[in-house]
Amino acid sequence: MTTINFRFLTRLRLRPTRRVGSTGIRAVDHCVEGICSGEANPYADAQALHGLALLCRGLPRVKADPGDLTARLDCQIGSWLSMGPLASGVPMGASHGIGYVPSAVFDIPRGHTSRIILSAVMRWNKPANAERQALVAAAMGHPGADAGDVLDAFIAGLGMPRSFGAVEIGPESFSKLAEQAMDTPWVPRNPRPIGDPAQVREILELAA
């Protein structure tokens, strides 16, 4: 059972750009990787596409006005719907798999790694799933645009860092991160096949 109570959140006095924004981008990551998966299905798409639209509508409004309860409700429902792909057996991809590693090695919250890696993964994956990425851009209100660019601009609009450099992770760490990412459950399920650490490093360099 899921309980959604948007009024409860106002009592927690959360700082939107640090917590609501970061956990919101984590939910965006779930939606996007579910939509872009090579194993997507119509049931999961229906939830992820609507969830993504709600998150894109709600997160900027919560940032602008933390007391906007309608926007908070959009974010809560969007976050709930973001779990639809996983719940229906759709795997995540490289954004999730790679994101586990800097979280563990450098103690960076997962919401932070999503905002750093997701756009880079989209750009790297585009040769394999451009049609699916077009669904993401449309759900975010920018039909015909490049989904990686749309996500990057959206995250920037929330005032969040979008690079490894912004969290003081330099290229000297990329080889170690790439090797460890190969052992995560989701990198092997990425829609564009990843066969070795060198390909993971390509993604990391896009997010440097």
N, C-alpha and C. Protein backbone atom coordinates (compact mmCIF):
# COMPACT_ATOMS: atom_id res chain seq x y z
N MET A 1 0.84 -1.19 0.00
CA MET A 1 0.00 0.00 0.00
C MET A 1 0.88 1.24 0.00
N THR A 2 0.52 2.24 -0.79
CA THR A 2 1.24 3.51 -0.85
C THR A 2 0.35 4.60 -0.28
N THR A 3 0.90 5.39 0.64
CA THR A 3 0.18 6.52 1.22
C THR A 3 0.82 7.80 0.72
N ILE A 4 0.04 8.68 0.13
CA ILE A 4 0.54 9.95 -0.38
C ILE A 4 -0.10 11.07 0.43
N ASN A 5 0.74 11.85 1.13
CA ASN A 5 0.25 12.93 1.96
C ASN A 5 1.15 14.14 1.74
N PHE A 6 0.75 15.02 0.83
CA PHE A 6 1.61 16.15 0.49
C PHE A 6 1.68 17.18 1.61
N ARG A 7 0.67 17.24 2.48
CA ARG A 7 0.73 18.20 3.59
C ARG A 7 1.80 17.81 4.61
N PHE A 8 2.04 16.52 4.77
CA PHE A 8 3.05 16.07 5.73
C PHE A 8 4.42 16.63 5.37
N LEU A 9 4.70 16.73 4.06
CA LEU A 9 6.02 17.20 3.65
C LEU A 9 6.30 18.62 4.11
N THR A 10 5.27 19.45 4.19
CA THR A 10 5.50 20.83 4.60
C THR A 10 5.95 20.92 6.04
N ARG A 11 5.61 19.92 6.86
CA ARG A 11 6.03 19.93 8.26
C ARG A 11 7.51 19.59 8.40
N LEU A 12 8.08 18.94 7.40
CA LEU A 12 9.48 18.56 7.47
C LEU A 12 10.42 19.71 7.13
N ARG A 13 9.88 20.78 6.58
CA ARG A 13 10.66 21.96 6.21
C ARG A 13 11.88 21.58 5.35
N LEU A 14 11.63 20.79 4.34
CA LEU A 14 12.71 20.36 3.46
C LEU A 14 13.19 21.52 2.61
N ARG A 15 14.48 21.55 2.34
CA ARG A 15 15.04 22.52 1.42
C ARG A 15 14.91 21.96 0.00
N PRO A 16 14.10 22.57 -0.85
CA PRO A 16 13.78 21.96 -2.13
C PRO A 16 14.99 21.61 -2.99
N THR A 17 15.95 22.51 -3.13
CA THR A 17 17.05 22.25 -4.04
C THR A 17 17.96 21.15 -3.53
N ARG A 18 17.98 20.90 -2.25
CA ARG A 18 18.87 19.87 -1.70
C ARG A 18 18.21 18.52 -1.60
N ARG A 19 16.96 18.49 -1.20
CA ARG A 19 16.32 17.20 -0.92
C ARG A 19 15.17 16.90 -1.86
N VAL A 20 14.20 17.79 -1.93
CA VAL A 20 13.10 17.54 -2.86
C VAL A 20 13.65 17.45 -4.28
N GLY A 21 14.54 18.39 -4.64
CA GLY A 21 15.11 18.37 -5.98
C GLY A 21 15.93 17.14 -6.25
N SER A 22 16.76 16.76 -5.28
CA SER A 22 17.65 15.62 -5.49
C SER A 22 16.88 14.31 -5.57
N THR A 23 15.94 14.10 -4.64
CA THR A 23 15.14 12.88 -4.70
C THR A 23 14.20 12.91 -5.90
N GLY A 24 13.79 14.11 -6.31
CA GLY A 24 12.96 14.22 -7.50
C GLY A 24 13.69 13.80 -8.75
N ILE A 25 14.97 14.19 -8.88
CA ILE A 25 15.75 13.78 -10.04
C ILE A 25 16.00 12.27 -10.00
N ARG A 26 16.09 11.71 -8.83
CA ARG A 26 16.21 10.25 -8.71
C ARG A 26 14.98 9.59 -9.33
N ALA A 27 13.80 10.15 -9.05
CA ALA A 27 12.57 9.62 -9.63
C ALA A 27 12.54 9.84 -11.14
N VAL A 28 13.01 11.01 -11.60
CA VAL A 28 13.13 11.26 -13.03
C VAL A 28 14.01 10.20 -13.68
N ASP A 29 15.11 9.85 -13.02
CA ASP A 29 16.02 8.83 -13.51
C ASP A 29 15.30 7.49 -13.68
N HIS A 30 14.47 7.13 -12.71
CA HIS A 30 13.70 5.89 -12.82
C HIS A 30 12.77 5.93 -14.04
N CYS A 31 12.07 7.05 -14.21
CA CYS A 31 11.17 7.18 -15.36
C CYS A 31 11.93 7.06 -16.66
N VAL A 32 13.00 7.84 -16.79
CA VAL A 32 13.73 7.94 -18.05
C VAL A 32 14.36 6.60 -18.42
N GLU A 33 15.01 5.95 -17.46
CA GLU A 33 15.65 4.68 -17.81
C GLU A 33 14.62 3.59 -18.08
N GLY A 34 13.46 3.67 -17.44
CA GLY A 34 12.40 2.73 -17.76
C GLY A 34 11.88 2.92 -19.17
N ILE A 35 11.66 4.17 -19.56
CA ILE A 35 11.17 4.48 -20.91
C ILE A 35 12.20 4.07 -21.96
N CYS A 36 13.46 4.30 -21.68
CA CYS A 36 14.52 4.09 -22.68
C CYS A 36 15.06 2.66 -22.70
N SER A 37 14.58 1.83 -21.81
CA SER A 37 15.07 0.45 -21.76
C SER A 37 14.74 -0.31 -23.05
N GLY A 38 15.62 -1.20 -23.42
CA GLY A 38 15.34 -2.09 -24.54
C GLY A 38 14.30 -3.13 -24.21
N GLU A 39 13.90 -3.21 -22.94
CA GLU A 39 12.91 -4.18 -22.50
C GLU A 39 11.64 -3.50 -21.99
N ALA A 40 11.41 -2.27 -22.44
CA ALA A 40 10.22 -1.52 -22.03
C ALA A 40 8.95 -2.22 -22.50
N ASN A 41 7.85 -1.94 -21.81
CA ASN A 41 6.54 -2.48 -22.21
C ASN A 41 5.48 -1.40 -22.06
N PRO A 42 4.34 -1.53 -22.71
CA PRO A 42 3.33 -0.48 -22.69
C PRO A 42 2.82 -0.14 -21.29
N TYR A 43 2.69 -1.13 -20.42
CA TYR A 43 2.21 -0.88 -19.06
C TYR A 43 3.19 0.03 -18.32
N ALA A 44 4.48 -0.29 -18.41
CA ALA A 44 5.49 0.52 -17.74
C ALA A 44 5.58 1.90 -18.38
N ASP A 45 5.50 1.96 -19.70
CA ASP A 45 5.56 3.25 -20.38
C ASP A 45 4.46 4.20 -19.90
N ALA A 46 3.25 3.68 -19.76
CA ALA A 46 2.13 4.53 -19.35
C ALA A 46 2.40 5.20 -18.01
N GLN A 47 2.97 4.44 -17.09
CA GLN A 47 3.26 5.00 -15.77
C GLN A 47 4.46 5.95 -15.81
N ALA A 48 5.53 5.51 -16.48
CA ALA A 48 6.75 6.31 -16.48
C ALA A 48 6.57 7.63 -17.24
N LEU A 49 5.86 7.60 -18.36
CA LEU A 49 5.67 8.83 -19.13
C LEU A 49 4.82 9.83 -18.37
N HIS A 50 3.76 9.36 -17.72
CA HIS A 50 2.93 10.29 -16.94
C HIS A 50 3.69 10.76 -15.70
N GLY A 51 4.41 9.85 -15.06
CA GLY A 51 5.20 10.25 -13.89
C GLY A 51 6.22 11.30 -14.24
N LEU A 52 6.90 11.13 -15.38
CA LEU A 52 7.90 12.09 -15.81
C LEU A 52 7.27 13.46 -16.06
N ALA A 53 6.13 13.47 -16.72
CA ALA A 53 5.45 14.74 -16.98
C ALA A 53 5.08 15.44 -15.67
N LEU A 54 4.60 14.69 -14.69
CA LEU A 54 4.24 15.29 -13.40
C LEU A 54 5.46 15.85 -12.69
N LEU A 55 6.56 15.11 -12.70
CA LEU A 55 7.79 15.57 -12.05
C LEU A 55 8.33 16.83 -12.72
N CYS A 56 8.27 16.87 -14.03
CA CYS A 56 8.77 18.05 -14.75
C CYS A 56 7.89 19.27 -14.51
N ARG A 57 6.63 19.03 -14.26
CA ARG A 57 5.73 20.13 -13.94
C ARG A 57 5.88 20.57 -12.49
N GLY A 58 6.07 19.60 -11.59
CA GLY A 58 6.05 19.91 -10.18
C GLY A 58 7.36 20.40 -9.58
N LEU A 59 8.49 19.83 -10.00
CA LEU A 59 9.76 20.16 -9.34
C LEU A 59 10.14 21.64 -9.46
N PRO A 60 10.04 22.26 -10.64
CA PRO A 60 10.37 23.69 -10.69
C PRO A 60 9.45 24.54 -9.83
N ARG A 61 8.19 24.14 -9.74
CA ARG A 61 7.25 24.91 -8.93
C ARG A 61 7.54 24.77 -7.45
N VAL A 62 7.95 23.58 -7.01
CA VAL A 62 8.31 23.41 -5.61
C VAL A 62 9.57 24.21 -5.29
N LYS A 63 10.51 24.25 -6.21
CA LYS A 63 11.71 25.06 -6.00
C LYS A 63 11.34 26.53 -5.84
N ALA A 64 10.42 27.00 -6.68
CA ALA A 64 10.02 28.41 -6.63
C ALA A 64 9.19 28.73 -5.40
N ASP A 65 8.38 27.76 -4.97
CA ASP A 65 7.48 27.98 -3.83
C ASP A 65 7.31 26.68 -3.06
N PRO A 66 8.12 26.45 -2.00
CA PRO A 66 8.02 25.20 -1.24
C PRO A 66 6.64 24.96 -0.64
N GLY A 67 5.83 25.99 -0.53
CA GLY A 67 4.50 25.83 0.03
C GLY A 67 3.43 25.50 -1.00
N ASP A 68 3.80 25.31 -2.25
CA ASP A 68 2.85 24.97 -3.31
C ASP A 68 2.45 23.50 -3.16
N LEU A 69 1.32 23.25 -2.51
CA LEU A 69 0.92 21.88 -2.22
C LEU A 69 0.50 21.11 -3.46
N THR A 70 -0.06 21.79 -4.43
CA THR A 70 -0.43 21.11 -5.67
C THR A 70 0.82 20.58 -6.38
N ALA A 71 1.88 21.40 -6.40
CA ALA A 71 3.13 20.96 -7.02
C ALA A 71 3.75 19.82 -6.24
N ARG A 72 3.67 19.88 -4.93
CA ARG A 72 4.20 18.78 -4.11
C ARG A 72 3.46 17.48 -4.38
N LEU A 73 2.15 17.58 -4.56
CA LEU A 73 1.36 16.39 -4.87
C LEU A 73 1.76 15.83 -6.24
N ASP A 74 1.98 16.69 -7.22
CA ASP A 74 2.46 16.23 -8.53
C ASP A 74 3.77 15.45 -8.37
N CYS A 75 4.67 15.98 -7.55
CA CYS A 75 5.96 15.32 -7.35
C CYS A 75 5.80 13.97 -6.65
N GLN A 76 4.93 13.91 -5.67
CA GLN A 76 4.72 12.64 -4.97
C GLN A 76 4.12 11.59 -5.90
N ILE A 77 3.10 11.97 -6.66
CA ILE A 77 2.49 11.00 -7.57
C ILE A 77 3.49 10.61 -8.66
N GLY A 78 4.25 11.59 -9.16
CA GLY A 78 5.27 11.28 -10.16
C GLY A 78 6.32 10.31 -9.64
N SER A 79 6.73 10.50 -8.40
CA SER A 79 7.72 9.60 -7.80
C SER A 79 7.15 8.19 -7.65
N TRP A 80 5.90 8.11 -7.25
CA TRP A 80 5.23 6.81 -7.12
C TRP A 80 5.16 6.10 -8.48
N LEU A 81 4.74 6.84 -9.51
CA LEU A 81 4.63 6.25 -10.84
C LEU A 81 5.99 5.86 -11.41
N SER A 82 7.04 6.53 -10.96
CA SER A 82 8.37 6.25 -11.49
C SER A 82 8.82 4.83 -11.20
N MET A 83 8.20 4.19 -10.22
CA MET A 83 8.57 2.82 -9.88
C MET A 83 7.85 1.79 -10.75
N GLY A 84 6.95 2.26 -11.62
CA GLY A 84 6.19 1.35 -12.48
C GLY A 84 7.06 0.45 -13.34
N PRO A 85 8.09 0.99 -14.01
CA PRO A 85 8.92 0.09 -14.83
C PRO A 85 9.57 -1.03 -14.02
N LEU A 86 10.22 -0.70 -12.94
CA LEU A 86 10.87 -1.74 -12.13
C LEU A 86 9.85 -2.74 -11.61
N ALA A 87 8.70 -2.24 -11.18
CA ALA A 87 7.68 -3.13 -10.62
C ALA A 87 7.13 -4.09 -11.67
N SER A 88 7.23 -3.71 -12.94
CA SER A 88 6.72 -4.58 -14.01
C SER A 88 7.84 -5.34 -14.73
N GLY A 89 9.02 -5.34 -14.13
CA GLY A 89 10.12 -6.15 -14.67
C GLY A 89 11.01 -5.48 -15.68
N VAL A 90 10.89 -4.16 -15.85
CA VAL A 90 11.75 -3.45 -16.80
C VAL A 90 13.06 -3.07 -16.09
N PRO A 91 14.20 -3.45 -16.64
CA PRO A 91 15.46 -3.13 -15.97
C PRO A 91 15.86 -1.67 -16.17
N MET A 92 16.68 -1.19 -15.26
CA MET A 92 17.29 0.11 -15.41
C MET A 92 18.54 -0.04 -16.28
N GLY A 93 19.27 1.06 -16.50
CA GLY A 93 20.43 1.02 -17.37
C GLY A 93 21.67 1.59 -16.71
N ALA A 94 22.53 2.19 -17.52
CA ALA A 94 23.85 2.62 -17.05
C ALA A 94 23.78 3.75 -16.05
N SER A 95 22.79 4.61 -16.12
CA SER A 95 22.72 5.70 -15.13
C SER A 95 22.60 5.13 -13.72
N HIS A 96 21.77 4.11 -13.58
CA HIS A 96 21.64 3.47 -12.27
C HIS A 96 22.90 2.68 -11.92
N GLY A 97 23.37 1.86 -12.87
CA GLY A 97 24.51 1.01 -12.58
C GLY A 97 25.75 1.80 -12.24
N ILE A 98 26.08 2.80 -13.06
CA ILE A 98 27.26 3.62 -12.79
C ILE A 98 27.06 4.43 -11.52
N GLY A 99 25.84 4.91 -11.30
CA GLY A 99 25.59 5.77 -10.14
C GLY A 99 25.83 5.11 -8.80
N TYR A 100 25.68 3.78 -8.75
CA TYR A 100 25.94 3.08 -7.49
C TYR A 100 27.37 3.27 -7.01
N VAL A 101 28.31 3.37 -7.96
CA VAL A 101 29.73 3.30 -7.59
C VAL A 101 30.23 4.57 -6.91
N PRO A 102 30.05 5.77 -7.49
CA PRO A 102 30.50 6.96 -6.74
C PRO A 102 29.74 7.16 -5.43
N SER A 103 28.51 6.66 -5.38
CA SER A 103 27.78 6.72 -4.10
C SER A 103 28.52 5.93 -3.03
N ALA A 104 28.99 4.74 -3.40
CA ALA A 104 29.68 3.89 -2.44
C ALA A 104 31.11 4.36 -2.16
N VAL A 105 31.82 4.76 -3.21
CA VAL A 105 33.24 5.10 -3.07
C VAL A 105 33.44 6.48 -2.47
N PHE A 106 32.59 7.44 -2.87
CA PHE A 106 32.79 8.82 -2.44
C PHE A 106 31.68 9.34 -1.52
N ASP A 107 30.75 8.44 -1.14
CA ASP A 107 29.66 8.81 -0.23
C ASP A 107 28.81 9.96 -0.78
N ILE A 108 28.48 9.85 -2.06
CA ILE A 108 27.63 10.84 -2.71
C ILE A 108 26.22 10.28 -2.79
N PRO A 109 25.22 11.01 -2.32
CA PRO A 109 23.84 10.49 -2.37
C PRO A 109 23.42 10.14 -3.78
N ARG A 110 22.58 9.11 -3.91
CA ARG A 110 22.18 8.63 -5.23
C ARG A 110 21.45 9.68 -6.05
N GLY A 111 20.70 10.53 -5.40
CA GLY A 111 20.04 11.60 -6.15
C GLY A 111 21.05 12.52 -6.82
N HIS A 112 22.19 12.72 -6.17
CA HIS A 112 23.24 13.55 -6.74
C HIS A 112 23.86 12.87 -7.96
N THR A 113 24.09 11.57 -7.88
CA THR A 113 24.71 10.89 -9.02
C THR A 113 23.77 10.86 -10.21
N SER A 114 22.47 10.78 -9.97
CA SER A 114 21.52 10.81 -11.09
C SER A 114 21.62 12.12 -11.85
N ARG A 115 21.72 13.21 -11.14
CA ARG A 115 21.75 14.50 -11.82
C ARG A 115 23.06 14.70 -12.58
N ILE A 116 24.13 14.01 -12.17
CA ILE A 116 25.42 14.11 -12.84
C ILE A 116 25.48 13.20 -14.07
N ILE A 117 24.97 11.99 -13.95
CA ILE A 117 25.23 10.96 -14.95
C ILE A 117 24.13 10.84 -16.00
N LEU A 118 22.88 11.10 -15.64
CA LEU A 118 21.76 10.75 -16.52
C LEU A 118 21.88 11.35 -17.91
N SER A 119 22.17 12.64 -18.01
CA SER A 119 22.25 13.27 -19.33
C SER A 119 23.38 12.67 -20.17
N ALA A 120 24.50 12.36 -19.52
CA ALA A 120 25.63 11.76 -20.23
C ALA A 120 25.26 10.37 -20.76
N VAL A 121 24.56 9.60 -19.96
CA VAL A 121 24.12 8.27 -20.39
C VAL A 121 23.18 8.39 -21.58
N MET A 122 22.28 9.35 -21.53
CA MET A 122 21.35 9.53 -22.65
C MET A 122 22.10 9.85 -23.94
N ARG A 123 23.09 10.71 -23.86
CA ARG A 123 23.85 11.08 -25.06
C ARG A 123 24.63 9.88 -25.59
N TRP A 124 25.20 9.10 -24.69
CA TRP A 124 25.98 7.93 -25.12
C TRP A 124 25.06 6.87 -25.72
N ASN A 125 23.87 6.73 -25.17
CA ASN A 125 22.93 5.70 -25.63
C ASN A 125 22.16 6.08 -26.89
N LYS A 126 22.17 7.32 -27.28
CA LYS A 126 21.27 7.78 -28.34
C LYS A 126 21.38 6.99 -29.64
N PRO A 127 22.56 6.56 -30.07
CA PRO A 127 22.61 5.77 -31.30
C PRO A 127 21.78 4.48 -31.24
N ALA A 128 21.51 4.01 -30.03
CA ALA A 128 20.79 2.73 -29.87
C ALA A 128 19.30 2.91 -29.60
N ASN A 129 18.88 4.08 -29.11
CA ASN A 129 17.47 4.20 -28.71
C ASN A 129 16.90 5.60 -28.94
N ALA A 130 17.24 6.21 -30.06
CA ALA A 130 16.78 7.58 -30.33
C ALA A 130 15.26 7.69 -30.32
N GLU A 131 14.56 6.67 -30.80
CA GLU A 131 13.09 6.74 -30.83
C GLU A 131 12.52 6.75 -29.42
N ARG A 132 13.10 5.97 -28.53
CA ARG A 132 12.63 5.96 -27.14
C ARG A 132 12.97 7.28 -26.45
N GLN A 133 14.13 7.84 -26.77
CA GLN A 133 14.51 9.12 -26.17
C GLN A 133 13.58 10.24 -26.63
N ALA A 134 13.04 10.12 -27.83
CA ALA A 134 12.08 11.12 -28.31
C ALA A 134 10.83 11.14 -27.43
N LEU A 135 10.44 9.99 -26.90
CA LEU A 135 9.30 9.94 -25.98
C LEU A 135 9.60 10.72 -24.71
N VAL A 136 10.84 10.64 -24.24
CA VAL A 136 11.24 11.38 -23.03
C VAL A 136 11.14 12.88 -23.27
N ALA A 137 11.71 13.34 -24.37
CA ALA A 137 11.68 14.78 -24.67
C ALA A 137 10.24 15.28 -24.77
N ALA A 138 9.37 14.50 -25.41
CA ALA A 138 7.97 14.91 -25.55
C ALA A 138 7.27 14.96 -24.20
N ALA A 139 7.52 13.96 -23.34
CA ALA A 139 6.89 13.95 -22.02
C ALA A 139 7.35 15.13 -21.17
N MET A 140 8.56 15.62 -21.44
CA MET A 140 9.09 16.76 -20.70
C MET A 140 8.66 18.09 -21.31
N GLY A 141 7.84 18.02 -22.35
CA GLY A 141 7.31 19.24 -22.95
C GLY A 141 8.13 19.82 -24.07
N HIS A 142 9.07 19.02 -24.63
CA HIS A 142 9.94 19.52 -25.71
C HIS A 142 9.99 18.51 -26.86
N PRO A 143 8.86 18.27 -27.51
CA PRO A 143 8.88 17.30 -28.62
C PRO A 143 9.86 17.71 -29.71
N GLY A 144 10.61 16.74 -30.20
CA GLY A 144 11.56 17.00 -31.27
C GLY A 144 12.93 17.43 -30.80
N ALA A 145 13.08 17.77 -29.53
CA ALA A 145 14.38 18.20 -29.00
C ALA A 145 15.21 17.00 -28.59
N ASP A 146 16.50 17.22 -28.38
CA ASP A 146 17.39 16.17 -27.90
C ASP A 146 17.13 15.93 -26.42
N ALA A 147 16.81 14.70 -26.05
CA ALA A 147 16.42 14.40 -24.67
C ALA A 147 17.55 14.66 -23.68
N GLY A 148 18.79 14.36 -24.07
CA GLY A 148 19.91 14.63 -23.18
C GLY A 148 20.04 16.11 -22.88
N ASP A 149 19.85 16.94 -23.90
CA ASP A 149 19.91 18.39 -23.69
C ASP A 149 18.75 18.87 -22.83
N VAL A 150 17.56 18.32 -23.07
CA VAL A 150 16.39 18.72 -22.29
C VAL A 150 16.60 18.38 -20.81
N LEU A 151 17.10 17.18 -20.53
CA LEU A 151 17.36 16.79 -19.15
C LEU A 151 18.42 17.66 -18.51
N ASP A 152 19.48 17.95 -19.25
CA ASP A 152 20.55 18.78 -18.71
C ASP A 152 20.02 20.17 -18.34
N ALA A 153 19.23 20.75 -19.21
CA ALA A 153 18.67 22.08 -18.95
C ALA A 153 17.69 22.04 -17.78
N PHE A 154 16.92 20.97 -17.69
CA PHE A 154 15.96 20.84 -16.59
C PHE A 154 16.68 20.77 -15.25
N ILE A 155 17.72 19.96 -15.18
CA ILE A 155 18.48 19.83 -13.93
C ILE A 155 19.17 21.15 -13.59
N ALA A 156 19.70 21.82 -14.61
CA ALA A 156 20.34 23.11 -14.37
C ALA A 156 19.33 24.12 -13.82
N GLY A 157 18.10 24.07 -14.33
CA GLY A 157 17.07 24.99 -13.87
C GLY A 157 16.70 24.80 -12.41
N LEU A 158 16.98 23.62 -11.87
CA LEU A 158 16.72 23.37 -10.45
C LEU A 158 17.91 23.80 -9.59
N GLY A 159 18.96 24.32 -10.23
CA GLY A 159 20.10 24.84 -9.49
C GLY A 159 21.01 23.77 -8.94
N MET A 160 21.13 22.64 -9.65
CA MET A 160 21.93 21.53 -9.15
C MET A 160 23.20 21.35 -9.98
N PRO A 161 24.30 20.95 -9.33
CA PRO A 161 25.52 20.62 -10.08
C PRO A 161 25.26 19.45 -11.02
N ARG A 162 25.95 19.48 -12.19
CA ARG A 162 25.69 18.48 -13.21
C ARG A 162 26.97 17.84 -13.72
N SER A 163 28.01 17.84 -12.92
CA SER A 163 29.27 17.25 -13.38
C SER A 163 30.01 16.63 -12.21
N PHE A 164 30.91 15.70 -12.51
CA PHE A 164 31.74 15.11 -11.47
C PHE A 164 32.68 16.16 -10.87
N GLY A 165 33.14 17.08 -11.70
CA GLY A 165 34.00 18.13 -11.18
C GLY A 165 33.34 18.95 -10.10
N ALA A 166 32.02 19.13 -10.22
CA ALA A 166 31.29 19.93 -9.22
C ALA A 166 31.24 19.26 -7.86
N VAL A 167 31.44 17.93 -7.82
CA VAL A 167 31.47 17.22 -6.53
C VAL A 167 32.88 16.69 -6.23
N GLU A 168 33.85 17.30 -6.91
CA GLU A 168 35.28 17.06 -6.65
C GLU A 168 35.71 15.61 -6.92
N ILE A 169 35.15 15.04 -7.99
CA ILE A 169 35.62 13.75 -8.49
C ILE A 169 36.31 14.00 -9.83
N GLY A 170 37.61 13.74 -9.89
CA GLY A 170 38.38 14.04 -11.09
C GLY A 170 38.57 12.84 -11.99
N PRO A 171 39.08 13.06 -13.19
CA PRO A 171 39.30 11.97 -14.16
C PRO A 171 40.24 10.88 -13.66
N GLU A 172 41.08 11.21 -12.69
CA GLU A 172 41.98 10.19 -12.16
C GLU A 172 41.24 9.05 -11.47
N SER A 173 39.99 9.27 -11.14
CA SER A 173 39.17 8.24 -10.48
C SER A 173 38.34 7.43 -11.47
N PHE A 174 38.31 7.84 -12.74
CA PHE A 174 37.38 7.25 -13.68
C PHE A 174 37.67 5.78 -13.98
N SER A 175 38.92 5.40 -14.06
CA SER A 175 39.23 4.00 -14.37
C SER A 175 38.71 3.08 -13.28
N LYS A 176 38.91 3.45 -12.02
CA LYS A 176 38.42 2.65 -10.90
C LYS A 176 36.90 2.58 -10.92
N LEU A 177 36.25 3.72 -11.14
CA LEU A 177 34.79 3.74 -11.17
C LEU A 177 34.26 2.87 -12.31
N ALA A 178 34.92 2.95 -13.46
CA ALA A 178 34.47 2.19 -14.63
C ALA A 178 34.58 0.69 -14.38
N GLU A 179 35.67 0.27 -13.81
CA GLU A 179 35.85 -1.16 -13.53
C GLU A 179 34.80 -1.67 -12.56
N GLN A 180 34.53 -0.92 -11.51
CA GLN A 180 33.55 -1.37 -10.53
C GLN A 180 32.13 -1.33 -11.08
N ALA A 181 31.86 -0.37 -11.97
CA ALA A 181 30.52 -0.28 -12.54
C ALA A 181 30.16 -1.52 -13.35
N MET A 182 31.15 -2.18 -13.92
CA MET A 182 30.88 -3.37 -14.72
C MET A 182 30.29 -4.50 -13.88
N ASP A 183 30.47 -4.45 -12.57
CA ASP A 183 29.97 -5.50 -11.69
C ASP A 183 28.58 -5.20 -11.13
N THR A 184 28.00 -4.06 -11.49
CA THR A 184 26.67 -3.72 -10.99
C THR A 184 25.60 -4.44 -11.82
N PRO A 185 24.39 -4.60 -11.30
CA PRO A 185 23.38 -5.36 -12.03
C PRO A 185 22.83 -4.67 -13.28
N TRP A 186 22.90 -3.34 -13.35
CA TRP A 186 22.19 -2.66 -14.43
C TRP A 186 23.07 -2.31 -15.62
N VAL A 187 24.37 -2.17 -15.46
CA VAL A 187 25.21 -1.85 -16.62
C VAL A 187 25.08 -2.91 -17.71
N PRO A 188 25.03 -4.20 -17.39
CA PRO A 188 24.84 -5.21 -18.46
C PRO A 188 23.48 -5.14 -19.14
N ARG A 189 22.50 -4.44 -18.53
CA ARG A 189 21.16 -4.34 -19.13
C ARG A 189 20.96 -3.01 -19.86
N ASN A 190 22.02 -2.23 -19.98
CA ASN A 190 21.91 -0.95 -20.67
C ASN A 190 21.44 -1.15 -22.10
N PRO A 191 20.58 -0.27 -22.64
CA PRO A 191 20.05 -0.49 -23.99
C PRO A 191 21.12 -0.46 -25.09
N ARG A 192 22.17 0.29 -24.90
CA ARG A 192 23.33 0.20 -25.80
C ARG A 192 24.35 -0.68 -25.09
N PRO A 193 24.68 -1.82 -25.63
CA PRO A 193 25.53 -2.76 -24.90
C PRO A 193 26.87 -2.14 -24.45
N ILE A 194 27.23 -2.45 -23.22
CA ILE A 194 28.50 -2.02 -22.64
C ILE A 194 29.31 -3.27 -22.36
N GLY A 195 30.42 -3.42 -23.09
CA GLY A 195 31.18 -4.66 -23.00
C GLY A 195 32.43 -4.59 -22.17
N ASP A 196 32.89 -3.37 -21.87
CA ASP A 196 34.14 -3.27 -21.11
C ASP A 196 34.21 -1.93 -20.39
N PRO A 197 35.13 -1.80 -19.43
CA PRO A 197 35.25 -0.55 -18.66
C PRO A 197 35.55 0.68 -19.52
N ALA A 198 36.21 0.48 -20.65
CA ALA A 198 36.53 1.63 -21.50
C ALA A 198 35.26 2.35 -21.97
N GLN A 199 34.19 1.60 -22.22
CA GLN A 199 32.94 2.22 -22.63
C GLN A 199 32.28 2.96 -21.47
N VAL A 200 32.39 2.42 -20.27
CA VAL A 200 31.88 3.15 -19.10
C VAL A 200 32.65 4.45 -18.94
N ARG A 201 33.96 4.38 -19.16
CA ARG A 201 34.77 5.59 -19.02
C ARG A 201 34.34 6.66 -20.03
N GLU A 202 33.92 6.24 -21.21
CA GLU A 202 33.41 7.21 -22.18
C GLU A 202 32.25 8.01 -21.60
N ILE A 203 31.36 7.31 -20.90
CA ILE A 203 30.21 7.98 -20.28
C ILE A 203 30.69 8.91 -19.16
N LEU A 204 31.60 8.43 -18.34
CA LEU A 204 32.13 9.25 -17.24
C LEU A 204 32.77 10.53 -17.78
N GLU A 205 33.46 10.43 -18.89
CA GLU A 205 34.11 11.61 -19.45
C GLU A 205 33.09 12.61 -19.99
N LEU A 206 31.94 12.11 -20.46
CA LEU A 206 30.87 13.03 -20.88
C LEU A 206 30.30 13.80 -19.71
N ALA A 207 30.43 13.24 -18.51
CA ALA A 207 29.91 13.87 -17.29
C ALA A 207 31.00 14.54 -16.46
N ALA A 208 32.20 14.64 -17.01
CA ALA A 208 33.32 15.19 -16.24
C ALA A 208 33.10 16.65 -15.86
